[in-house]
Amino acid sequence: MTNQHLLTPVRTLCAVRDLCGVQAQFMSNAMHALKIRCYDFDAQNTAGLVKNWTIRGTVHVFAEADLPLFVRCCEGRDYRRNDWRGYTFWNQRDKWALTPERQTFFADSIVSAVAEKSRSREELKQICRDIGMNEAEESSMFDSWGGGIRELCERGFIHYAVQEEKVFALTPAYTPMEEEAARLEIARRYFTHFAPAAIHDAMYFLGAKQREVKSWLENLPVRSTECEGKTYYYIENGIAYTQDIPLCVFLAGFDPLMLGYQKKESLYLPDIHLRKIFNLAGIVMPAVLLRGNVVGRWKKKQTRLTVELFETLSTSDRNLIADSAAALWEDLRKVEFA
């Protein structure tokens, strides 16, 4: 928890760098994950941050300076290349309606429009309709799982602005890193700031194979320790672990503390509560951490907080949760337990 900046807040750009970004399918989750870790986070001022597809093929908020690390464009071969001939993940799908030529034409128009100013998803759709995009082509370019828009993001043309509404901005010029160097750097950050962690934890978080993780460990200055028959790896970072575990923490949905480790072996989440946090639809719910263990999940709507408890708690523990919530949210007016 110290390494993940849950005990001593840090600058926002430091947190996103150390944690390899924060997952952001739902922007409110990313905002909260940063709020509880950063003393300077301001949802209205996200300068220096971008949002794009990164590790595990999921959308993350991360530092603009890390674009070369996370958006590598096939080691630079596809960097800002508006040529869609040949096989891609998207054009082999059954309902893909864009020919390479049509995709080039519309991609050019989208990038030109975003170069003028940031544009919402709906604005870009209308621009494409106005120049002749049909319904089937629109379904391909603006597929709900990414489609042609995602390909433009992954080739370094555009990225999501860091806000709730889906708005695209022009990506500044950069030079992508080589694949192996980038993955080794990401692994270095993981074993520094998520550590101590087991090989299977790293496989889970980084979406990597066991042989890849073992290769990284051979090339990183890691140390190891044994606990209950498992080997955990870490990189010394000079931090002293002298603070107590916080009494209560309201983790974000898709929080790094939940995603950073193999979920069935989490140190924080009792197995009996697994599906109440990691549901079968792939959603990772916001968890209430009490003295280092998940005891419930929370949902805040305007000025009301609802806490669904997974076990019976004493009145003093409920009061502790309510007091912690009041300290975190200035606008909070009511706390309900379910």
C-alpha atoms as a PDB file:
ATOM      1  CA  MET A   1       0.000   0.000   0.000  1.00  0.00           C
ATOM      2  CA  THR A   2       2.977   2.285   0.622  1.00  0.00           C
ATOM      3  CA  ASN A   3       4.400   1.539  -2.824  1.00  0.00           C
ATOM      4  CA  GLN A   4       0.999   2.258  -4.395  1.00  0.00           C
ATOM      5  CA  HIS A   5       0.878   5.676  -2.688  1.00  0.00           C
ATOM      6  CA  LEU A   6      -2.119   4.859  -0.511  1.00  0.00           C
ATOM      7  CA  LEU A   7      -0.352   5.942   2.684  1.00  0.00           C
ATOM      8  CA  THR A   8       1.504   9.076   1.591  1.00  0.00           C
ATOM      9  CA  PRO A   9      -0.008  11.043  -1.317  1.00  0.00           C
ATOM     10  CA  VAL A  10       2.271  12.056  -4.200  1.00  0.00           C
ATOM     11  CA  ARG A  11       2.038  14.247  -7.304  1.00  0.00           C
ATOM     12  CA  THR A  12      -0.411  13.012  -9.923  1.00  0.00           C
ATOM     13  CA  LEU A  13       2.232  12.591 -12.617  1.00  0.00           C
ATOM     14  CA  CYS A  14       4.307  10.538 -10.190  1.00  0.00           C
ATOM     15  CA  ALA A  15       1.383   8.239  -9.358  1.00  0.00           C
ATOM     16  CA  VAL A  16       0.371   7.512 -12.955  1.00  0.00           C
ATOM     17  CA  ARG A  17       3.978   6.865 -13.875  1.00  0.00           C
ATOM     18  CA  ASP A  18       4.658   4.487 -10.975  1.00  0.00           C
ATOM     19  CA  LEU A  19       1.364   2.591 -11.374  1.00  0.00           C
ATOM     20  CA  CYS A  20       1.596   2.249 -15.177  1.00  0.00           C
ATOM     21  CA  GLY A  21      -1.487   4.460 -15.432  1.00  0.00           C
ATOM     22  CA  VAL A  22      -4.915   3.808 -13.949  1.00  0.00           C
ATOM     23  CA  GLN A  23      -7.645   1.869 -15.729  1.00  0.00           C
ATOM     24  CA  ALA A  24     -10.332   4.147 -17.119  1.00  0.00           C
ATOM     25  CA  GLN A  25     -13.223   2.511 -18.973  1.00  0.00           C
ATOM     26  CA  PHE A  26     -15.311   4.487 -16.495  1.00  0.00           C
ATOM     27  CA  MET A  27     -13.627   7.828 -16.047  1.00  0.00           C
ATOM     28  CA  SER A  28     -15.014   8.347 -12.539  1.00  0.00           C
ATOM     29  CA  ASN A  29     -13.042   5.310 -11.378  1.00  0.00           C
ATOM     30  CA  ALA A  30      -9.764   6.675 -12.704  1.00  0.00           C
ATOM     31  CA  MET A  31     -10.474  10.056 -11.133  1.00  0.00           C
ATOM     32  CA  HIS A  32     -11.119   8.465  -7.736  1.00  0.00           C
ATOM     33  CA  ALA A  33      -8.043   6.212  -7.938  1.00  0.00           C
ATOM     34  CA  LEU A  34      -5.936   9.347  -8.393  1.00  0.00           C
ATOM     35  CA  LYS A  35      -7.832  11.370  -5.794  1.00  0.00           C
ATOM     36  CA  ILE A  36      -6.989   8.927  -3.000  1.00  0.00           C
ATOM     37  CA  ARG A  37      -3.292   8.825  -4.014  1.00  0.00           C
ATOM     38  CA  CYS A  38      -2.430  12.381  -5.054  1.00  0.00           C
ATOM     39  CA  TYR A  39      -2.282  15.648  -3.147  1.00  0.00           C
ATOM     40  CA  ASP A  40      -2.505  17.785  -6.286  1.00  0.00           C
ATOM     41  CA  PHE A  41      -5.113  15.960  -8.374  1.00  0.00           C
ATOM     42  CA  ASP A  42      -7.660  18.252 -10.002  1.00  0.00           C
ATOM     43  CA  ALA A  43     -10.321  16.721 -12.241  1.00  0.00           C
ATOM     44  CA  GLN A  44     -10.688  20.092 -13.973  1.00  0.00           C
ATOM     45  CA  ASN A  45      -6.986  20.373 -14.765  1.00  0.00           C
ATOM     46  CA  THR A  46      -5.557  17.229 -16.327  1.00  0.00           C
ATOM     47  CA  ALA A  47      -2.579  18.794 -18.087  1.00  0.00           C
ATOM     48  CA  GLY A  48       0.133  16.235 -18.770  1.00  0.00           C
ATOM     49  CA  LEU A  49      -2.301  13.299 -18.828  1.00  0.00           C
ATOM     50  CA  VAL A  50      -3.730  11.321 -21.748  1.00  0.00           C
ATOM     51  CA  LYS A  51      -6.140   8.392 -22.084  1.00  0.00           C
ATOM     52  CA  ASN A  52      -5.567   5.512 -24.468  1.00  0.00           C
ATOM     53  CA  TRP A  53      -5.475   1.730 -24.815  1.00  0.00           C
ATOM     54  CA  THR A  54      -2.423   0.286 -23.028  1.00  0.00           C
ATOM     55  CA  ILE A  55      -1.626  -2.814 -20.936  1.00  0.00           C
ATOM     56  CA  ARG A  56      -4.073  -5.741 -21.120  1.00  0.00           C
ATOM     57  CA  GLY A  57      -5.685  -3.966 -24.098  1.00  0.00           C
ATOM     58  CA  THR A  58      -7.666  -1.731 -21.734  1.00  0.00           C
ATOM     59  CA  VAL A  59      -8.084   2.037 -21.585  1.00  0.00           C
ATOM     60  CA  HIS A  60      -5.852   3.806 -19.051  1.00  0.00           C
ATOM     61  CA  VAL A  61      -5.094   7.355 -17.967  1.00  0.00           C
ATOM     62  CA  PHE A  62      -1.334   7.832 -17.993  1.00  0.00           C
ATOM     63  CA  ALA A  63       1.341  10.492 -18.358  1.00  0.00           C
ATOM     64  CA  GLU A  64       1.654  12.120 -21.769  1.00  0.00           C
ATOM     65  CA  ALA A  65       5.418  11.689 -21.409  1.00  0.00           C
ATOM     66  CA  ASP A  66       4.827   7.906 -21.371  1.00  0.00           C
ATOM     67  CA  LEU A  67       3.214   7.794 -24.820  1.00  0.00           C
ATOM     68  CA  PRO A  68       6.394   6.217 -26.284  1.00  0.00           C
ATOM     69  CA  LEU A  69       6.221   3.528 -23.594  1.00  0.00           C
ATOM     70  CA  PHE A  70       2.560   2.519 -23.927  1.00  0.00           C
ATOM     71  CA  VAL A  71       1.588   3.392 -27.519  1.00  0.00           C
ATOM     72  CA  ARG A  72       4.391   1.697 -29.409  1.00  0.00           C
ATOM     73  CA  CYS A  73       2.732   1.356 -32.833  1.00  0.00           C
ATOM     74  CA  CYS A  74       4.416  -2.010 -33.559  1.00  0.00           C
ATOM     75  CA  GLU A  75       7.832  -0.631 -32.584  1.00  0.00           C
ATOM     76  CA  GLY A  76       7.144   2.457 -34.645  1.00  0.00           C
ATOM     77  CA  ARG A  77       6.436   0.665 -37.925  1.00  0.00           C
ATOM     78  CA  ASP A  78       2.797   1.813 -37.870  1.00  0.00           C
ATOM     79  CA  TYR A  79       3.421   5.180 -36.232  1.00  0.00           C
ATOM     80  CA  ARG A  80       1.021   7.613 -37.938  1.00  0.00           C
ATOM     81  CA  ARG A  81       0.764   5.291 -40.941  1.00  0.00           C
ATOM     82  CA  ASN A  82      -2.587   5.797 -42.666  1.00  0.00           C
ATOM     83  CA  ASP A  83      -2.412   2.647 -44.761  1.00  0.00           C
ATOM     84  CA  TRP A  84      -4.817  -0.179 -43.885  1.00  0.00           C
ATOM     85  CA  ARG A  85      -3.975  -2.757 -46.530  1.00  0.00           C
ATOM     86  CA  GLY A  86      -3.232  -6.241 -45.272  1.00  0.00           C
ATOM     87  CA  TYR A  87      -4.462  -8.082 -42.189  1.00  0.00           C
ATOM     88  CA  THR A  88      -5.436  -6.222 -39.049  1.00  0.00           C
ATOM     89  CA  PHE A  89      -7.329  -7.390 -35.975  1.00  0.00           C
ATOM     90  CA  TRP A  90     -10.343  -5.360 -37.063  1.00  0.00           C
ATOM     91  CA  ASN A  91     -10.599  -5.795 -40.834  1.00  0.00           C
ATOM     92  CA  GLN A  92     -10.807  -9.594 -40.572  1.00  0.00           C
ATOM     93  CA  ARG A  93     -14.027  -9.372 -38.550  1.00  0.00           C
ATOM     94  CA  ASP A  94     -17.214 -10.565 -40.308  1.00  0.00           C
ATOM     95  CA  LYS A  95     -19.046  -7.234 -40.185  1.00  0.00           C
ATOM     96  CA  TRP A  96     -16.101  -5.012 -41.097  1.00  0.00           C
ATOM     97  CA  ALA A  97     -17.365  -2.708 -43.858  1.00  0.00           C
ATOM     98  CA  LEU A  98     -14.443  -0.369 -44.555  1.00  0.00           C
ATOM     99  CA  THR A  99     -12.189  -1.050 -47.519  1.00  0.00           C
ATOM    100  CA  PRO A 100      -8.564   0.006 -46.989  1.00  0.00           C
ATOM    101  CA  GLU A 101      -9.134   2.972 -49.292  1.00  0.00           C
ATOM    102  CA  ARG A 102     -12.288   4.130 -47.520  1.00  0.00           C
ATOM    103  CA  GLN A 103     -10.640   3.718 -44.117  1.00  0.00           C
ATOM    104  CA  THR A 104      -7.707   5.877 -45.273  1.00  0.00           C
ATOM    105  CA  PHE A 105     -10.104   8.529 -46.555  1.00  0.00           C
ATOM    106  CA  PHE A 106     -12.141   8.742 -43.354  1.00  0.00           C
ATOM    107  CA  ALA A 107      -9.107   8.441 -41.093  1.00  0.00           C
ATOM    108  CA  ASP A 108      -7.568  11.418 -42.872  1.00  0.00           C
ATOM    109  CA  SER A 109     -10.730  13.446 -42.304  1.00  0.00           C
ATOM    110  CA  ILE A 110     -10.936  12.470 -38.622  1.00  0.00           C
ATOM    111  CA  VAL A 111      -7.312  13.381 -37.909  1.00  0.00           C
ATOM    112  CA  SER A 112      -7.676  16.673 -39.787  1.00  0.00           C
ATOM    113  CA  ALA A 113     -10.789  17.536 -37.780  1.00  0.00           C
ATOM    114  CA  VAL A 114      -9.135  16.708 -34.453  1.00  0.00           C
ATOM    115  CA  ALA A 115      -6.067  18.730 -35.468  1.00  0.00           C
ATOM    116  CA  GLU A 116      -8.292  21.816 -35.622  1.00  0.00           C
ATOM    117  CA  LYS A 117      -9.696  21.203 -32.128  1.00  0.00           C
ATOM    118  CA  SER A 118     -10.685  18.368 -29.817  1.00  0.00           C
ATOM    119  CA  ARG A 119     -13.815  16.598 -31.042  1.00  0.00           C
ATOM    120  CA  SER A 120     -16.439  14.410 -29.401  1.00  0.00           C
ATOM    121  CA  ARG A 121     -17.245  10.987 -30.744  1.00  0.00           C
ATOM    122  CA  GLU A 122     -20.605  12.260 -32.009  1.00  0.00           C
ATOM    123  CA  GLU A 123     -18.997  15.217 -33.753  1.00  0.00           C
ATOM    124  CA  LEU A 124     -16.617  12.898 -35.573  1.00  0.00           C
ATOM    125  CA  LYS A 125     -19.482  10.647 -36.611  1.00  0.00           C
ATOM    126  CA  GLN A 126     -21.325  13.610 -38.101  1.00  0.00           C
ATOM    127  CA  ILE A 127     -18.230  14.808 -39.946  1.00  0.00           C
ATOM    128  CA  CYS A 128     -17.865  11.365 -41.494  1.00  0.00           C
ATOM    129  CA  ARG A 129     -21.560  11.190 -42.415  1.00  0.00           C
ATOM    130  CA  ASP A 130     -21.301  14.565 -44.118  1.00  0.00           C
ATOM    131  CA  ILE A 131     -18.590  13.275 -46.444  1.00  0.00           C
ATOM    132  CA  GLY A 132     -20.411  10.057 -47.343  1.00  0.00           C
ATOM    133  CA  MET A 133     -19.888   7.452 -44.620  1.00  0.00           C
ATOM    134  CA  ASN A 134     -22.704   4.911 -44.662  1.00  0.00           C
ATOM    135  CA  GLU A 135     -24.210   3.126 -41.656  1.00  0.00           C
ATOM    136  CA  ALA A 136     -22.181  -0.075 -42.023  1.00  0.00           C
ATOM    137  CA  GLU A 137     -18.939   1.885 -42.349  1.00  0.00           C
ATOM    138  CA  GLU A 138     -19.850   3.931 -39.289  1.00  0.00           C
ATOM    139  CA  SER A 139     -20.388   0.750 -37.284  1.00  0.00           C
ATOM    140  CA  SER A 140     -16.864  -0.339 -38.207  1.00  0.00           C
ATOM    141  CA  MET A 141     -15.069   2.962 -37.671  1.00  0.00           C
ATOM    142  CA  PHE A 142     -16.911   3.679 -34.399  1.00  0.00           C
ATOM    143  CA  ASP A 143     -17.310   0.111 -33.129  1.00  0.00           C
ATOM    144  CA  SER A 144     -18.204   0.087 -29.425  1.00  0.00           C
ATOM    145  CA  TRP A 145     -15.067  -1.988 -28.729  1.00  0.00           C
ATOM    146  CA  GLY A 146     -12.800   0.408 -30.596  1.00  0.00           C
ATOM    147  CA  GLY A 147     -12.848  -0.225 -34.336  1.00  0.00           C
ATOM    148  CA  GLY A 148     -11.140   2.219 -36.665  1.00  0.00           C
ATOM    149  CA  ILE A 149     -11.012   4.927 -34.007  1.00  0.00           C
ATOM    150  CA  ARG A 150      -9.047   2.611 -31.754  1.00  0.00           C
ATOM    151  CA  GLU A 151      -6.652   1.871 -34.597  1.00  0.00           C
ATOM    152  CA  LEU A 152      -6.001   5.601 -34.985  1.00  0.00           C
ATOM    153  CA  CYS A 153      -5.296   5.790 -31.254  1.00  0.00           C
ATOM    154  CA  GLU A 154      -2.969   2.798 -31.381  1.00  0.00           C
ATOM    155  CA  ARG A 155      -1.040   4.294 -34.305  1.00  0.00           C
ATOM    156  CA  GLY A 156      -0.312   7.507 -32.459  1.00  0.00           C
ATOM    157  CA  PHE A 157      -2.674   9.847 -34.325  1.00  0.00           C
ATOM    158  CA  ILE A 158      -5.185  10.695 -31.595  1.00  0.00           C
ATOM    159  CA  HIS A 159      -6.095   9.868 -27.999  1.00  0.00           C
ATOM    160  CA  TYR A 160      -8.961  10.360 -25.585  1.00  0.00           C
ATOM    161  CA  ALA A 161      -9.005  13.578 -23.595  1.00  0.00           C
ATOM    162  CA  VAL A 162      -8.972  12.909 -19.841  1.00  0.00           C
ATOM    163  CA  GLN A 163     -12.619  13.637 -19.081  1.00  0.00           C
ATOM    164  CA  GLU A 164     -15.952  11.855 -18.711  1.00  0.00           C
ATOM    165  CA  GLU A 165     -17.266  12.650 -22.192  1.00  0.00           C
ATOM    166  CA  LYS A 166     -15.620  10.727 -25.038  1.00  0.00           C
ATOM    167  CA  VAL A 167     -13.597  13.480 -26.682  1.00  0.00           C
ATOM    168  CA  PHE A 168     -10.574  12.936 -28.898  1.00  0.00           C
ATOM    169  CA  ALA A 169      -7.481  15.128 -29.036  1.00  0.00           C
ATOM    170  CA  LEU A 170      -4.492  15.193 -31.369  1.00  0.00           C
ATOM    171  CA  THR A 171      -1.569  13.197 -29.976  1.00  0.00           C
ATOM    172  CA  PRO A 172       1.701  15.161 -29.833  1.00  0.00           C
ATOM    173  CA  ALA A 173       4.617  13.850 -31.885  1.00  0.00           C
ATOM    174  CA  TYR A 174       6.850  11.266 -30.186  1.00  0.00           C
ATOM    175  CA  THR A 175       9.169   8.364 -30.984  1.00  0.00           C
ATOM    176  CA  PRO A 176       7.768   4.953 -29.919  1.00  0.00           C
ATOM    177  CA  MET A 177       9.986   2.678 -27.833  1.00  0.00           C
ATOM    178  CA  GLU A 178      11.152  -0.734 -28.952  1.00  0.00           C
ATOM    179  CA  GLU A 179       8.826  -3.481 -27.737  1.00  0.00           C
ATOM    180  CA  GLU A 180      11.167  -5.407 -25.458  1.00  0.00           C
ATOM    181  CA  ALA A 181      12.687  -2.289 -23.902  1.00  0.00           C
ATOM    182  CA  ALA A 182       9.203  -0.925 -23.218  1.00  0.00           C
ATOM    183  CA  ARG A 183       7.887  -4.126 -21.676  1.00  0.00           C
ATOM    184  CA  LEU A 184      10.978  -4.417 -19.482  1.00  0.00           C
ATOM    185  CA  GLU A 185      10.460  -0.853 -18.221  1.00  0.00           C
ATOM    186  CA  ILE A 186       6.793  -1.556 -17.467  1.00  0.00           C
ATOM    187  CA  ALA A 187       7.848  -4.697 -15.576  1.00  0.00           C
ATOM    188  CA  ARG A 188      10.434  -2.643 -13.652  1.00  0.00           C
ATOM    189  CA  ARG A 189       7.729  -0.229 -12.535  1.00  0.00           C
ATOM    190  CA  TYR A 190       5.471  -3.124 -11.599  1.00  0.00           C
ATOM    191  CA  PHE A 191       8.047  -4.885  -9.403  1.00  0.00           C
ATOM    192  CA  THR A 192       8.929  -1.555  -7.798  1.00  0.00           C
ATOM    193  CA  HIS A 193       5.460  -0.221  -7.031  1.00  0.00           C
ATOM    194  CA  PHE A 194       3.168  -3.267  -6.930  1.00  0.00           C
ATOM    195  CA  ALA A 195       5.731  -5.422  -5.174  1.00  0.00           C
ATOM    196  CA  PRO A 196       6.100  -7.702  -3.418  1.00  0.00           C
ATOM    197  CA  ALA A 197       4.404  -9.734  -6.133  1.00  0.00           C
ATOM    198  CA  ALA A 198       4.487 -13.299  -7.401  1.00  0.00           C
ATOM    199  CA  ILE A 199       5.068 -14.329 -11.019  1.00  0.00           C
ATOM    200  CA  HIS A 200       1.372 -15.111 -11.486  1.00  0.00           C
ATOM    201  CA  ASP A 201       0.482 -11.670 -10.144  1.00  0.00           C
ATOM    202  CA  ALA A 202       2.655 -10.052 -12.813  1.00  0.00           C
ATOM    203  CA  MET A 203       1.166 -12.326 -15.484  1.00  0.00           C
ATOM    204  CA  TYR A 204      -2.315 -11.226 -14.449  1.00  0.00           C
ATOM    205  CA  PHE A 205      -1.624  -7.486 -14.311  1.00  0.00           C
ATOM    206  CA  LEU A 206       0.630  -7.232 -17.362  1.00  0.00           C
ATOM    207  CA  GLY A 207      -1.259  -9.727 -19.511  1.00  0.00           C
ATOM    208  CA  ALA A 208       2.000 -11.639 -19.999  1.00  0.00           C
ATOM    209  CA  LYS A 209       3.101 -15.231 -20.314  1.00  0.00           C
ATOM    210  CA  GLN A 210       5.112 -16.924 -17.589  1.00  0.00           C
ATOM    211  CA  ARG A 211       8.253 -17.157 -19.724  1.00  0.00           C
ATOM    212  CA  GLU A 212       8.065 -13.416 -20.406  1.00  0.00           C
ATOM    213  CA  VAL A 213       7.856 -12.549 -16.720  1.00  0.00           C
ATOM    214  CA  LYS A 214      10.746 -14.886 -15.889  1.00  0.00           C
ATOM    215  CA  SER A 215      12.814 -13.250 -18.626  1.00  0.00           C
ATOM    216  CA  TRP A 216      12.139  -9.801 -17.177  1.00  0.00           C
ATOM    217  CA  LEU A 217      13.069 -10.985 -13.701  1.00  0.00           C
ATOM    218  CA  GLU A 218      16.408 -12.170 -15.062  1.00  0.00           C
ATOM    219  CA  ASN A 219      17.072  -8.690 -16.409  1.00  0.00           C
ATOM    220  CA  LEU A 220      15.847  -6.623 -13.467  1.00  0.00           C
ATOM    221  CA  PRO A 221      17.550  -5.959 -10.105  1.00  0.00           C
ATOM    222  CA  VAL A 222      14.931  -7.928  -8.192  1.00  0.00           C
ATOM    223  CA  ARG A 223      15.161  -9.543  -4.808  1.00  0.00           C
ATOM    224  CA  SER A 224      12.915 -12.330  -3.590  1.00  0.00           C
ATOM    225  CA  THR A 225      11.323 -13.489  -0.378  1.00  0.00           C
ATOM    226  CA  GLU A 226       9.337 -16.552   0.627  1.00  0.00           C
ATOM    227  CA  CYS A 227       5.955 -16.456   2.348  1.00  0.00           C
ATOM    228  CA  GLU A 228       3.606 -19.393   2.913  1.00  0.00           C
ATOM    229  CA  GLY A 229       5.294 -21.456   0.220  1.00  0.00           C
ATOM    230  CA  LYS A 230       5.208 -18.721  -2.451  1.00  0.00           C
ATOM    231  CA  THR A 231       8.037 -16.633  -3.846  1.00  0.00           C
ATOM    232  CA  TYR A 232       7.513 -12.890  -4.070  1.00  0.00           C
ATOM    233  CA  TYR A 233       9.730 -10.505  -6.023  1.00  0.00           C
ATOM    234  CA  TYR A 234      10.470  -6.840  -5.457  1.00  0.00           C
ATOM    235  CA  ILE A 235      12.875  -4.061  -6.425  1.00  0.00           C
ATOM    236  CA  GLU A 236      14.296  -1.958  -3.599  1.00  0.00           C
ATOM    237  CA  ASN A 237      13.076   1.627  -3.877  1.00  0.00           C
ATOM    238  CA  GLY A 238      14.478   3.204  -0.725  1.00  0.00           C
ATOM    239  CA  ILE A 239      11.079   3.626   0.922  1.00  0.00           C
ATOM    240  CA  ALA A 240      10.736   2.862   4.630  1.00  0.00           C
ATOM    241  CA  TYR A 241       7.598   0.880   5.502  1.00  0.00           C
ATOM    242  CA  THR A 242       6.986   2.420   8.912  1.00  0.00           C
ATOM    243  CA  GLN A 243       3.374   3.594   8.640  1.00  0.00           C
ATOM    244  CA  ASP A 244       0.397   1.592   9.825  1.00  0.00           C
ATOM    245  CA  ILE A 245      -2.165   0.222   7.399  1.00  0.00           C
ATOM    246  CA  PRO A 246      -4.963   2.819   7.067  1.00  0.00           C
ATOM    247  CA  LEU A 247      -8.060   2.076   9.111  1.00  0.00           C
ATOM    248  CA  CYS A 248     -10.358   2.667   6.137  1.00  0.00           C
ATOM    249  CA  VAL A 249      -9.799   3.255   2.414  1.00  0.00           C
ATOM    250  CA  PHE A 250     -12.447   3.693  -0.293  1.00  0.00           C
ATOM    251  CA  LEU A 251     -10.788   2.073  -3.286  1.00  0.00           C
ATOM    252  CA  ALA A 252     -11.845   2.967  -6.815  1.00  0.00           C
ATOM    253  CA  GLY A 253     -13.572   0.608  -9.198  1.00  0.00           C
ATOM    254  CA  PHE A 254     -10.784  -1.162 -11.152  1.00  0.00           C
ATOM    255  CA  ASP A 255      -8.361   0.071  -8.495  1.00  0.00           C
ATOM    256  CA  PRO A 256      -4.680  -0.860  -8.959  1.00  0.00           C
ATOM    257  CA  LEU A 257      -4.705  -2.506  -5.525  1.00  0.00           C
ATOM    258  CA  MET A 258      -7.321  -4.957  -6.795  1.00  0.00           C
ATOM    259  CA  LEU A 259      -6.021  -5.346 -10.362  1.00  0.00           C
ATOM    260  CA  GLY A 260      -2.348  -5.611  -9.445  1.00  0.00           C
ATOM    261  CA  TYR A 261      -2.479  -9.215  -8.231  1.00  0.00           C
ATOM    262  CA  GLN A 262      -4.005 -12.530  -9.218  1.00  0.00           C
ATOM    263  CA  LYS A 263      -7.518 -11.995  -7.912  1.00  0.00           C
ATOM    264  CA  LYS A 264      -8.009 -15.475  -6.462  1.00  0.00           C
ATOM    265  CA  GLU A 265      -4.907 -15.049  -4.304  1.00  0.00           C
ATOM    266  CA  SER A 266      -5.372 -11.414  -3.285  1.00  0.00           C
ATOM    267  CA  LEU A 267      -3.921 -10.384   0.063  1.00  0.00           C
ATOM    268  CA  TYR A 268      -6.776  -7.905   0.512  1.00  0.00           C
ATOM    269  CA  LEU A 269      -9.835  -9.708  -0.824  1.00  0.00           C
ATOM    270  CA  PRO A 270     -11.129 -12.789   1.027  1.00  0.00           C
ATOM    271  CA  ASP A 271     -12.027 -15.488  -1.492  1.00  0.00           C
ATOM    272  CA  ILE A 272     -15.591 -15.639  -0.175  1.00  0.00           C
ATOM    273  CA  HIS A 273     -16.147 -12.068  -1.383  1.00  0.00           C
ATOM    274  CA  LEU A 274     -14.418 -12.465  -4.770  1.00  0.00           C
ATOM    275  CA  ARG A 275     -17.501 -12.245  -7.003  1.00  0.00           C
ATOM    276  CA  LYS A 276     -18.874  -9.275  -5.092  1.00  0.00           C
ATOM    277  CA  ILE A 277     -15.889  -7.235  -6.320  1.00  0.00           C
ATOM    278  CA  PHE A 278     -14.895  -9.032  -9.546  1.00  0.00           C
ATOM    279  CA  ASN A 279     -18.268  -9.761 -11.096  1.00  0.00           C
ATOM    280  CA  LEU A 280     -18.882 -12.108 -14.015  1.00  0.00           C
ATOM    281  CA  ALA A 281     -19.448  -9.190 -16.408  1.00  0.00           C
ATOM    282  CA  GLY A 282     -15.808  -8.158 -15.999  1.00  0.00           C
ATOM    283  CA  ILE A 283     -16.518  -5.166 -13.756  1.00  0.00           C
ATOM    284  CA  VAL A 284     -14.279  -4.529 -10.743  1.00  0.00           C
ATOM    285  CA  MET A 285     -16.440  -2.825  -8.133  1.00  0.00           C
ATOM    286  CA  PRO A 286     -15.281  -0.021  -5.773  1.00  0.00           C
ATOM    287  CA  ALA A 287     -14.222  -1.740  -2.550  1.00  0.00           C
ATOM    288  CA  VAL A 288     -14.240  -0.629   1.077  1.00  0.00           C
ATOM    289  CA  LEU A 289     -10.969  -1.625   2.708  1.00  0.00           C
ATOM    290  CA  LEU A 290     -11.096  -1.856   6.508  1.00  0.00           C
ATOM    291  CA  ARG A 291      -7.763  -2.484   8.241  1.00  0.00           C
ATOM    292  CA  GLY A 292      -6.390  -3.973   5.048  1.00  0.00           C
ATOM    293  CA  ASN A 293      -9.305  -6.276   4.168  1.00  0.00           C
ATOM    294  CA  VAL A 294     -12.242  -5.806   1.819  1.00  0.00           C
ATOM    295  CA  VAL A 295     -15.442  -5.731   3.881  1.00  0.00           C
ATOM    296  CA  GLY A 296     -17.849  -4.213   1.365  1.00  0.00           C
ATOM    297  CA  ARG A 297     -18.346  -2.085  -1.703  1.00  0.00           C
ATOM    298  CA  TRP A 298     -19.570   1.466  -2.108  1.00  0.00           C
ATOM    299  CA  LYS A 299     -21.517   3.688  -4.455  1.00  0.00           C
ATOM    300  CA  LYS A 300     -21.806   7.446  -4.260  1.00  0.00           C
ATOM    301  CA  LYS A 301     -24.635   9.329  -5.947  1.00  0.00           C
ATOM    302  CA  GLN A 302     -24.534  13.076  -5.534  1.00  0.00           C
ATOM    303  CA  THR A 303     -24.386  13.678  -1.750  1.00  0.00           C
ATOM    304  CA  ARG A 304     -25.410  10.155  -0.681  1.00  0.00           C
ATOM    305  CA  LEU A 305     -23.050   7.228  -0.098  1.00  0.00           C
ATOM    306  CA  THR A 306     -24.326   3.652   0.044  1.00  0.00           C
ATOM    307  CA  VAL A 307     -22.043   1.017   1.551  1.00  0.00           C
ATOM    308  CA  GLU A 308     -22.971  -2.624   0.961  1.00  0.00           C
ATOM    309  CA  LEU A 309     -21.317  -4.636   3.708  1.00  0.00           C
ATOM    310  CA  PHE A 310     -20.225  -8.229   3.078  1.00  0.00           C
ATOM    311  CA  GLU A 311     -20.134  -9.119   6.758  1.00  0.00           C
ATOM    312  CA  THR A 312     -21.541  -7.945  10.071  1.00  0.00           C
ATOM    313  CA  LEU A 313     -19.566  -5.041  11.527  1.00  0.00           C
ATOM    314  CA  SER A 314     -19.668  -3.462  14.943  1.00  0.00           C
ATOM    315  CA  THR A 315     -21.218  -0.056  15.455  1.00  0.00           C
ATOM    316  CA  SER A 316     -17.763   1.443  16.009  1.00  0.00           C
ATOM    317  CA  ASP A 317     -16.523   0.051  12.675  1.00  0.00           C
ATOM    318  CA  ARG A 318     -19.577   1.434  10.876  1.00  0.00           C
ATOM    319  CA  ASN A 319     -18.941   4.789  12.479  1.00  0.00           C
ATOM    320  CA  LEU A 320     -15.302   4.578  11.397  1.00  0.00           C
ATOM    321  CA  ILE A 321     -16.372   3.988   7.792  1.00  0.00           C
ATOM    322  CA  ALA A 322     -18.842   6.880   7.937  1.00  0.00           C
ATOM    323  CA  ASP A 323     -16.245   9.230   9.451  1.00  0.00           C
ATOM    324  CA  SER A 324     -13.679   8.237   6.810  1.00  0.00           C
ATOM    325  CA  ALA A 325     -16.225   8.935   4.084  1.00  0.00           C
ATOM    326  CA  ALA A 326     -16.989  12.370   5.510  1.00  0.00           C
ATOM    327  CA  ALA A 327     -13.289  13.199   5.538  1.00  0.00           C
ATOM    328  CA  LEU A 328     -12.904  12.099   1.897  1.00  0.00           C
ATOM    329  CA  TRP A 329     -15.979  13.771   0.367  1.00  0.00           C
ATOM    330  CA  GLU A 330     -16.710  17.336   1.446  1.00  0.00           C
ATOM    331  CA  ASP A 331     -20.169  17.295  -0.166  1.00  0.00           C
ATOM    332  CA  LEU A 332     -21.321  14.118   1.605  1.00  0.00           C
ATOM    333  CA  ARG A 333     -24.628  14.478   3.453  1.00  0.00           C
ATOM    334  CA  LYS A 334     -25.757  10.920   4.114  1.00  0.00           C
ATOM    335  CA  VAL A 335     -24.185   7.470   4.565  1.00  0.00           C
ATOM    336  CA  GLU A 336     -26.367   4.359   4.268  1.00  0.00           C
ATOM    337  CA  PHE A 337     -25.374   0.765   5.028  1.00  0.00           C
ATOM    338  CA  ALA A 338     -26.943  -2.107   3.148  1.00  0.00           C
END
